[in-house]
Amino acid sequence: MQLLLIEDDATIARELALRWQARGWLVRTCGTLAQADVAVGEAGADLIVLDLQLPDGDGLAWLGRLRRRDRQTPVLVLTARDQVADRVDGLQQGADDYLIKPFAPEELDARMQALQRRSGIVGGAGAQYGPLVWLEEEGCAFLNGQPLDLLPREFEVLGLLVRRSPRLVPKRALADALAERNLEVGDSAVEVYISRLRRRLAGSGVAIRTVRGFGYRLALEDGAGGGTEEQP
């Protein structure tokens, strides 16, 4: 699971990041809303943990802006605001859960895992989106029960798309993910792999959609035409 923690208390941020990294989760921490905007734009997240009192603004206002363009990424608000009206406001602004400080780390982990299950985030060695199954440890993928013949870099790109589906995956995040595997590629190479994957998925009902200026996402539809562009 790839997490984005937006928290300006350095001690809390460090302790939570270490705790979650020990569980095998990928963690990116931000101390301001401006940093959070950059993080979301660059790589997105499977789940966001959001403090509300940030140095450069109100976390609830930021959440409202996020929800206008992203209604799917789970957000757990972690805050000292403990009034009923605060909790109601947070949930109405688009939070999926609300936990008050001080908190027990075990409860926070349990709530995050519940959001993970509820949103369909697949942890571990595999992921599925519709008829498309991607198995990391086995190094293979299946479409409608039939194996896909993929080159290693195509396999990595497809895996990131499936694991994040149906959320948007920025082009830069695809290049960075390949770089983590010692596969140095640029944006133009990512476009080549996307084009190849579209040909392999053609007619399957699974399409790779381009969101102009942002990146790519998987979509399910009949007679999918994979090259269609979408407005952000």
C-alpha atoms as a PDB file:
ATOM      1  CA  MET A   1       0.000   0.000   0.000  1.00  0.00           C
ATOM      2  CA  GLN A   2       1.319   3.450  -0.932  1.00  0.00           C
ATOM      3  CA  LEU A   3       0.507   6.023   1.750  1.00  0.00           C
ATOM      4  CA  LEU A   4       0.583   9.808   1.838  1.00  0.00           C
ATOM      5  CA  LEU A   5       0.844  11.242   5.365  1.00  0.00           C
ATOM      6  CA  ILE A   6       0.103  14.972   5.641  1.00  0.00           C
ATOM      7  CA  GLU A   7       1.239  15.927   9.150  1.00  0.00           C
ATOM      8  CA  ASP A   8       3.271  18.915  10.358  1.00  0.00           C
ATOM      9  CA  ASP A   9       4.271  17.386  13.713  1.00  0.00           C
ATOM     10  CA  ALA A  10       7.688  15.978  12.837  1.00  0.00           C
ATOM     11  CA  THR A  11       7.697  13.496  15.722  1.00  0.00           C
ATOM     12  CA  ILE A  12       4.313  12.006  14.837  1.00  0.00           C
ATOM     13  CA  ALA A  13       5.205  11.898  11.147  1.00  0.00           C
ATOM     14  CA  ARG A  14       8.530  10.165  11.779  1.00  0.00           C
ATOM     15  CA  GLU A  15       7.117   7.571  14.180  1.00  0.00           C
ATOM     16  CA  LEU A  16       4.186   6.699  11.922  1.00  0.00           C
ATOM     17  CA  ALA A  17       6.392   6.504   8.834  1.00  0.00           C
ATOM     18  CA  LEU A  18       8.784   4.102  10.593  1.00  0.00           C
ATOM     19  CA  ARG A  19       5.887   2.020  11.868  1.00  0.00           C
ATOM     20  CA  TRP A  20       4.271   1.715   8.449  1.00  0.00           C
ATOM     21  CA  GLN A  21       7.519   1.104   6.598  1.00  0.00           C
ATOM     22  CA  ALA A  22       8.166  -1.818   8.945  1.00  0.00           C
ATOM     23  CA  ARG A  23       4.876  -3.284   7.690  1.00  0.00           C
ATOM     24  CA  GLY A  24       6.076  -3.040   4.120  1.00  0.00           C
ATOM     25  CA  TRP A  25       3.980  -0.003   3.220  1.00  0.00           C
ATOM     26  CA  LEU A  26       5.434   2.776   1.079  1.00  0.00           C
ATOM     27  CA  VAL A  27       5.155   6.105   2.900  1.00  0.00           C
ATOM     28  CA  ARG A  28       5.548   9.691   1.706  1.00  0.00           C
ATOM     29  CA  THR A  29       5.281  12.428   4.347  1.00  0.00           C
ATOM     30  CA  CYS A  30       4.371  16.089   3.822  1.00  0.00           C
ATOM     31  CA  GLY A  31       4.395  18.867   6.390  1.00  0.00           C
ATOM     32  CA  THR A  32       2.389  21.377   4.352  1.00  0.00           C
ATOM     33  CA  LEU A  33      -0.538  21.404   1.960  1.00  0.00           C
ATOM     34  CA  ALA A  34       1.703  22.757  -0.796  1.00  0.00           C
ATOM     35  CA  GLN A  35       3.928  19.698  -0.450  1.00  0.00           C
ATOM     36  CA  ALA A  36       0.825  17.494  -0.468  1.00  0.00           C
ATOM     37  CA  ASP A  37      -0.319  19.020  -3.768  1.00  0.00           C
ATOM     38  CA  VAL A  38       3.036  18.141  -5.310  1.00  0.00           C
ATOM     39  CA  ALA A  39       2.961  14.601  -3.907  1.00  0.00           C
ATOM     40  CA  VAL A  40      -0.545  13.911  -5.213  1.00  0.00           C
ATOM     41  CA  GLY A  41       0.352  15.307  -8.615  1.00  0.00           C
ATOM     42  CA  GLU A  42       3.555  13.297  -8.890  1.00  0.00           C
ATOM     43  CA  ALA A  43       2.561   9.862  -7.677  1.00  0.00           C
ATOM     44  CA  GLY A  44      -0.895   9.835  -6.097  1.00  0.00           C
ATOM     45  CA  ALA A  45      -1.550   7.478  -3.192  1.00  0.00           C
ATOM     46  CA  ASP A  46      -3.573   4.424  -2.266  1.00  0.00           C
ATOM     47  CA  LEU A  47      -4.606   6.075   1.012  1.00  0.00           C
ATOM     48  CA  ILE A  48      -4.143   9.541   2.518  1.00  0.00           C
ATOM     49  CA  VAL A  49      -3.839  10.305   6.245  1.00  0.00           C
ATOM     50  CA  LEU A  50      -4.584  14.007   6.730  1.00  0.00           C
ATOM     51  CA  ASP A  51      -4.036  16.366   9.643  1.00  0.00           C
ATOM     52  CA  LEU A  52      -6.302  19.415   9.559  1.00  0.00           C
ATOM     53  CA  GLN A  53      -4.207  22.163  11.158  1.00  0.00           C
ATOM     54  CA  LEU A  54      -1.360  22.698   8.702  1.00  0.00           C
ATOM     55  CA  PRO A  55       1.024  25.697   8.574  1.00  0.00           C
ATOM     56  CA  ASP A  56      -0.246  26.883   5.186  1.00  0.00           C
ATOM     57  CA  GLY A  57      -3.962  26.269   5.495  1.00  0.00           C
ATOM     58  CA  ASP A  58      -6.916  24.197   6.616  1.00  0.00           C
ATOM     59  CA  GLY A  59      -6.787  20.498   5.774  1.00  0.00           C
ATOM     60  CA  LEU A  60     -10.555  20.379   5.284  1.00  0.00           C
ATOM     61  CA  ALA A  61     -10.387  23.021   2.552  1.00  0.00           C
ATOM     62  CA  TRP A  62      -7.626  20.989   0.880  1.00  0.00           C
ATOM     63  CA  LEU A  63      -9.755  17.852   1.152  1.00  0.00           C
ATOM     64  CA  GLY A  64     -12.653  19.641  -0.510  1.00  0.00           C
ATOM     65  CA  ARG A  65     -10.412  20.571  -3.446  1.00  0.00           C
ATOM     66  CA  LEU A  66      -9.103  17.014  -3.670  1.00  0.00           C
ATOM     67  CA  ARG A  67     -12.609  15.581  -3.771  1.00  0.00           C
ATOM     68  CA  ARG A  68     -13.579  17.765  -6.726  1.00  0.00           C
ATOM     69  CA  ARG A  69     -11.056  15.870  -8.861  1.00  0.00           C
ATOM     70  CA  ASP A  70     -10.633  12.586  -6.968  1.00  0.00           C
ATOM     71  CA  ARG A  71     -13.627  10.953  -5.302  1.00  0.00           C
ATOM     72  CA  GLN A  72     -12.054   7.529  -4.874  1.00  0.00           C
ATOM     73  CA  THR A  73      -8.785   7.734  -2.919  1.00  0.00           C
ATOM     74  CA  PRO A  74      -9.584   6.952   0.751  1.00  0.00           C
ATOM     75  CA  VAL A  75      -8.789   9.762   3.188  1.00  0.00           C
ATOM     76  CA  LEU A  76      -8.509   9.304   6.952  1.00  0.00           C
ATOM     77  CA  VAL A  77      -8.520  12.539   8.933  1.00  0.00           C
ATOM     78  CA  LEU A  78      -6.184  12.487  11.961  1.00  0.00           C
ATOM     79  CA  THR A  79      -6.705  15.591  14.080  1.00  0.00           C
ATOM     80  CA  ALA A  80      -7.045  17.137  17.539  1.00  0.00           C
ATOM     81  CA  ARG A  81     -10.406  18.670  16.578  1.00  0.00           C
ATOM     82  CA  ASP A  82     -12.688  16.601  18.777  1.00  0.00           C
ATOM     83  CA  GLN A  83     -16.108  18.222  18.592  1.00  0.00           C
ATOM     84  CA  VAL A  84     -19.037  16.384  17.015  1.00  0.00           C
ATOM     85  CA  ALA A  85     -19.504  19.280  14.594  1.00  0.00           C
ATOM     86  CA  ASP A  86     -15.853  18.895  13.509  1.00  0.00           C
ATOM     87  CA  ARG A  87     -16.310  15.193  12.798  1.00  0.00           C
ATOM     88  CA  VAL A  88     -19.519  15.800  10.890  1.00  0.00           C
ATOM     89  CA  ASP A  89     -17.873  18.566   8.865  1.00  0.00           C
ATOM     90  CA  GLY A  90     -14.914  16.339   8.049  1.00  0.00           C
ATOM     91  CA  LEU A  91     -17.074  13.481   6.844  1.00  0.00           C
ATOM     92  CA  GLN A  92     -19.264  15.818   4.811  1.00  0.00           C
ATOM     93  CA  GLN A  93     -16.175  17.296   3.133  1.00  0.00           C
ATOM     94  CA  GLY A  94     -15.233  13.843   1.899  1.00  0.00           C
ATOM     95  CA  ALA A  95     -13.245  12.091   4.646  1.00  0.00           C
ATOM     96  CA  ASP A  96     -13.767   8.327   4.764  1.00  0.00           C
ATOM     97  CA  ASP A  97     -12.850   8.096   8.443  1.00  0.00           C
ATOM     98  CA  TYR A  98     -12.019  10.466  11.315  1.00  0.00           C
ATOM     99  CA  LEU A  99      -9.697   9.738  14.253  1.00  0.00           C
ATOM    100  CA  ILE A 100      -9.001  12.128  17.096  1.00  0.00           C
ATOM    101  CA  LYS A 101      -5.583  12.810  18.657  1.00  0.00           C
ATOM    102  CA  PRO A 102      -4.216  11.467  20.928  1.00  0.00           C
ATOM    103  CA  PHE A 103      -4.741   8.065  19.341  1.00  0.00           C
ATOM    104  CA  ALA A 104      -3.584   4.478  19.684  1.00  0.00           C
ATOM    105  CA  PRO A 105      -1.372   3.504  16.720  1.00  0.00           C
ATOM    106  CA  GLU A 106      -2.999   0.061  16.676  1.00  0.00           C
ATOM    107  CA  GLU A 107      -6.426   1.628  16.164  1.00  0.00           C
ATOM    108  CA  LEU A 108      -5.099   3.865  13.397  1.00  0.00           C
ATOM    109  CA  ASP A 109      -3.587   0.845  11.612  1.00  0.00           C
ATOM    110  CA  ALA A 110      -6.845  -1.093  11.953  1.00  0.00           C
ATOM    111  CA  ARG A 111      -8.885   1.784  10.526  1.00  0.00           C
ATOM    112  CA  MET A 112      -6.481   2.133   7.609  1.00  0.00           C
ATOM    113  CA  GLN A 113      -6.701  -1.571   6.842  1.00  0.00           C
ATOM    114  CA  ALA A 114     -10.502  -1.357   6.959  1.00  0.00           C
ATOM    115  CA  LEU A 115     -10.390   1.463   4.397  1.00  0.00           C
ATOM    116  CA  GLN A 116      -7.971  -0.638   2.353  1.00  0.00           C
ATOM    117  CA  ARG A 117     -10.422  -3.542   2.261  1.00  0.00           C
ATOM    118  CA  ARG A 118     -13.426  -1.305   1.618  1.00  0.00           C
ATOM    119  CA  SER A 119     -11.803   0.467  -1.324  1.00  0.00           C
ATOM    120  CA  GLY A 120     -10.479  -2.718  -2.910  1.00  0.00           C
ATOM    121  CA  ILE A 121      -6.778  -1.845  -2.549  1.00  0.00           C
ATOM    122  CA  VAL A 122      -4.929  -5.095  -3.050  1.00  0.00           C
ATOM    123  CA  GLY A 123      -1.848  -5.626  -0.937  1.00  0.00           C
ATOM    124  CA  GLY A 124       0.770  -8.291  -1.218  1.00  0.00           C
ATOM    125  CA  ALA A 125       1.800 -10.037  -4.396  1.00  0.00           C
ATOM    126  CA  GLY A 126      -1.143  -9.548  -6.747  1.00  0.00           C
ATOM    127  CA  ALA A 127      -3.864  -7.253  -7.986  1.00  0.00           C
ATOM    128  CA  GLN A 128      -6.958  -7.525 -10.157  1.00  0.00           C
ATOM    129  CA  TYR A 129      -9.041  -5.120 -12.208  1.00  0.00           C
ATOM    130  CA  GLY A 130     -12.042  -6.644 -13.956  1.00  0.00           C
ATOM    131  CA  PRO A 131     -10.839  -9.579 -16.102  1.00  0.00           C
ATOM    132  CA  LEU A 132      -7.200  -8.477 -15.739  1.00  0.00           C
ATOM    133  CA  VAL A 133      -5.090 -10.233 -13.073  1.00  0.00           C
ATOM    134  CA  TRP A 134      -1.481  -9.249 -12.288  1.00  0.00           C
ATOM    135  CA  LEU A 135       0.676 -11.551 -10.134  1.00  0.00           C
ATOM    136  CA  GLU A 136       3.952 -10.034  -8.976  1.00  0.00           C
ATOM    137  CA  GLU A 137       5.662 -13.054  -7.425  1.00  0.00           C
ATOM    138  CA  GLU A 138       4.763 -15.307 -10.356  1.00  0.00           C
ATOM    139  CA  GLY A 139       5.838 -12.654 -12.869  1.00  0.00           C
ATOM    140  CA  CYS A 140       2.763 -13.149 -15.009  1.00  0.00           C
ATOM    141  CA  ALA A 141      -0.584 -11.573 -15.870  1.00  0.00           C
ATOM    142  CA  PHE A 142      -3.856 -13.016 -17.127  1.00  0.00           C
ATOM    143  CA  LEU A 143      -6.644 -11.470 -19.203  1.00  0.00           C
ATOM    144  CA  ASN A 144      -9.983 -13.298 -19.254  1.00  0.00           C
ATOM    145  CA  GLY A 145      -8.158 -16.328 -17.854  1.00  0.00           C
ATOM    146  CA  GLN A 146      -5.536 -16.375 -20.607  1.00  0.00           C
ATOM    147  CA  PRO A 147      -1.856 -15.529 -19.978  1.00  0.00           C
ATOM    148  CA  LEU A 148      -0.525 -12.275 -21.404  1.00  0.00           C
ATOM    149  CA  ASP A 149       2.814 -12.361 -23.184  1.00  0.00           C
ATOM    150  CA  LEU A 150       4.583  -9.354 -21.657  1.00  0.00           C
ATOM    151  CA  LEU A 151       8.121  -8.030 -21.689  1.00  0.00           C
ATOM    152  CA  PRO A 152       9.559  -7.207 -18.222  1.00  0.00           C
ATOM    153  CA  ARG A 153       9.025  -3.443 -18.497  1.00  0.00           C
ATOM    154  CA  GLU A 154       5.512  -3.904 -19.862  1.00  0.00           C
ATOM    155  CA  PHE A 155       4.800  -6.146 -16.879  1.00  0.00           C
ATOM    156  CA  GLU A 156       5.974  -3.462 -14.440  1.00  0.00           C
ATOM    157  CA  VAL A 157       3.945  -0.699 -16.098  1.00  0.00           C
ATOM    158  CA  LEU A 158       0.826  -2.872 -16.207  1.00  0.00           C
ATOM    159  CA  GLY A 159       1.298  -3.782 -12.540  1.00  0.00           C
ATOM    160  CA  LEU A 160       1.283  -0.166 -11.424  1.00  0.00           C
ATOM    161  CA  LEU A 161      -1.823   0.569 -13.492  1.00  0.00           C
ATOM    162  CA  VAL A 162      -3.663  -2.443 -12.073  1.00  0.00           C
ATOM    163  CA  ARG A 163      -2.634  -1.783  -8.465  1.00  0.00           C
ATOM    164  CA  ARG A 164      -3.829   1.825  -8.678  1.00  0.00           C
ATOM    165  CA  SER A 165      -6.922   1.108 -10.804  1.00  0.00           C
ATOM    166  CA  PRO A 166      -9.184   2.844 -11.512  1.00  0.00           C
ATOM    167  CA  ARG A 167      -7.258   5.809 -10.122  1.00  0.00           C
ATOM    168  CA  LEU A 168      -5.019   7.985 -12.253  1.00  0.00           C
ATOM    169  CA  VAL A 169      -1.318   7.085 -12.480  1.00  0.00           C
ATOM    170  CA  PRO A 170       0.919  10.058 -13.393  1.00  0.00           C
ATOM    171  CA  LYS A 171       3.379   9.403 -16.199  1.00  0.00           C
ATOM    172  CA  ARG A 172       6.253  10.433 -13.933  1.00  0.00           C
ATOM    173  CA  ALA A 173       5.177   7.829 -11.358  1.00  0.00           C
ATOM    174  CA  LEU A 174       5.452   5.113 -14.004  1.00  0.00           C
ATOM    175  CA  ALA A 175       8.977   6.216 -14.928  1.00  0.00           C
ATOM    176  CA  ASP A 176       9.977   6.430 -11.255  1.00  0.00           C
ATOM    177  CA  ALA A 177       8.589   2.958 -10.528  1.00  0.00           C
ATOM    178  CA  LEU A 178      10.699   1.505 -13.331  1.00  0.00           C
ATOM    179  CA  ALA A 179      13.744   3.384 -12.030  1.00  0.00           C
ATOM    180  CA  GLU A 180      13.279   1.705  -8.623  1.00  0.00           C
ATOM    181  CA  ARG A 181      13.792  -1.610 -10.432  1.00  0.00           C
ATOM    182  CA  ASN A 182      16.983  -0.292 -12.051  1.00  0.00           C
ATOM    183  CA  LEU A 183      15.143   0.222 -15.318  1.00  0.00           C
ATOM    184  CA  GLU A 184      16.119   3.717 -16.387  1.00  0.00           C
ATOM    185  CA  VAL A 185      13.437   5.149 -18.683  1.00  0.00           C
ATOM    186  CA  GLY A 186      12.092   8.565 -19.607  1.00  0.00           C
ATOM    187  CA  ASP A 187       8.607   9.813 -20.352  1.00  0.00           C
ATOM    188  CA  SER A 188       8.874   8.926 -24.048  1.00  0.00           C
ATOM    189  CA  ALA A 189       9.733   5.308 -23.187  1.00  0.00           C
ATOM    190  CA  VAL A 190       6.708   5.115 -20.890  1.00  0.00           C
ATOM    191  CA  GLU A 191       4.553   6.154 -23.866  1.00  0.00           C
ATOM    192  CA  VAL A 192       6.026   3.273 -25.877  1.00  0.00           C
ATOM    193  CA  TYR A 193       5.139   0.732 -23.163  1.00  0.00           C
ATOM    194  CA  ILE A 194       1.636   2.171 -22.821  1.00  0.00           C
ATOM    195  CA  SER A 195       1.156   1.854 -26.585  1.00  0.00           C
ATOM    196  CA  ARG A 196       2.288  -1.780 -26.527  1.00  0.00           C
ATOM    197  CA  LEU A 197      -0.008  -2.594 -23.617  1.00  0.00           C
ATOM    198  CA  ARG A 198      -2.956  -1.008 -25.418  1.00  0.00           C
ATOM    199  CA  ARG A 199      -2.392  -3.332 -28.347  1.00  0.00           C
ATOM    200  CA  ARG A 200      -2.279  -6.346 -26.028  1.00  0.00           C
ATOM    201  CA  LEU A 201      -5.506  -5.263 -24.282  1.00  0.00           C
ATOM    202  CA  ALA A 202      -7.373  -4.308 -27.493  1.00  0.00           C
ATOM    203  CA  GLY A 203     -10.905  -5.701 -27.631  1.00  0.00           C
ATOM    204  CA  SER A 204     -10.764  -7.142 -24.121  1.00  0.00           C
ATOM    205  CA  GLY A 205     -13.048  -4.619 -22.426  1.00  0.00           C
ATOM    206  CA  VAL A 206     -10.095  -3.185 -20.477  1.00  0.00           C
ATOM    207  CA  ALA A 207      -8.647   0.070 -21.806  1.00  0.00           C
ATOM    208  CA  ILE A 208      -5.796   2.381 -20.856  1.00  0.00           C
ATOM    209  CA  ARG A 209      -7.121   5.933 -20.944  1.00  0.00           C
ATOM    210  CA  THR A 210      -4.938   9.022 -21.294  1.00  0.00           C
ATOM    211  CA  VAL A 211      -5.760  11.993 -19.076  1.00  0.00           C
ATOM    212  CA  ARG A 212      -4.088  14.772 -21.030  1.00  0.00           C
ATOM    213  CA  GLY A 213      -1.236  16.425 -19.167  1.00  0.00           C
ATOM    214  CA  PHE A 214      -1.535  14.102 -16.168  1.00  0.00           C
ATOM    215  CA  GLY A 215      -1.126  10.402 -16.909  1.00  0.00           C
ATOM    216  CA  TYR A 216      -3.046   7.189 -17.459  1.00  0.00           C
ATOM    217  CA  ARG A 217      -5.734   5.054 -15.864  1.00  0.00           C
ATOM    218  CA  LEU A 218      -7.450   1.746 -16.531  1.00  0.00           C
ATOM    219  CA  ALA A 219     -11.113   1.703 -17.526  1.00  0.00           C
ATOM    220  CA  LEU A 220     -13.678  -1.045 -18.069  1.00  0.00           C
ATOM    221  CA  GLU A 221     -15.997  -0.773 -21.038  1.00  0.00           C
ATOM    222  CA  ASP A 222     -17.327  -2.725 -23.983  1.00  0.00           C
ATOM    223  CA  GLY A 223     -15.376  -2.361 -27.193  1.00  0.00           C
ATOM    224  CA  ALA A 224     -12.786  -0.266 -25.410  1.00  0.00           C
ATOM    225  CA  GLY A 225     -10.752   2.031 -27.609  1.00  0.00           C
ATOM    226  CA  GLY A 226      -7.590   2.415 -25.574  1.00  0.00           C
ATOM    227  CA  GLY A 227      -6.253   5.607 -27.112  1.00  0.00           C
ATOM    228  CA  THR A 228      -9.071   7.937 -26.152  1.00  0.00           C
ATOM    229  CA  GLU A 229      -8.002  11.025 -24.237  1.00  0.00           C
ATOM    230  CA  GLU A 230      -9.877  12.443 -21.269  1.00  0.00           C
ATOM    231  CA  GLN A 231      -9.945  15.910 -19.823  1.00  0.00           C
ATOM    232  CA  PRO A 232      -8.504  16.148 -16.280  1.00  0.00           C
END
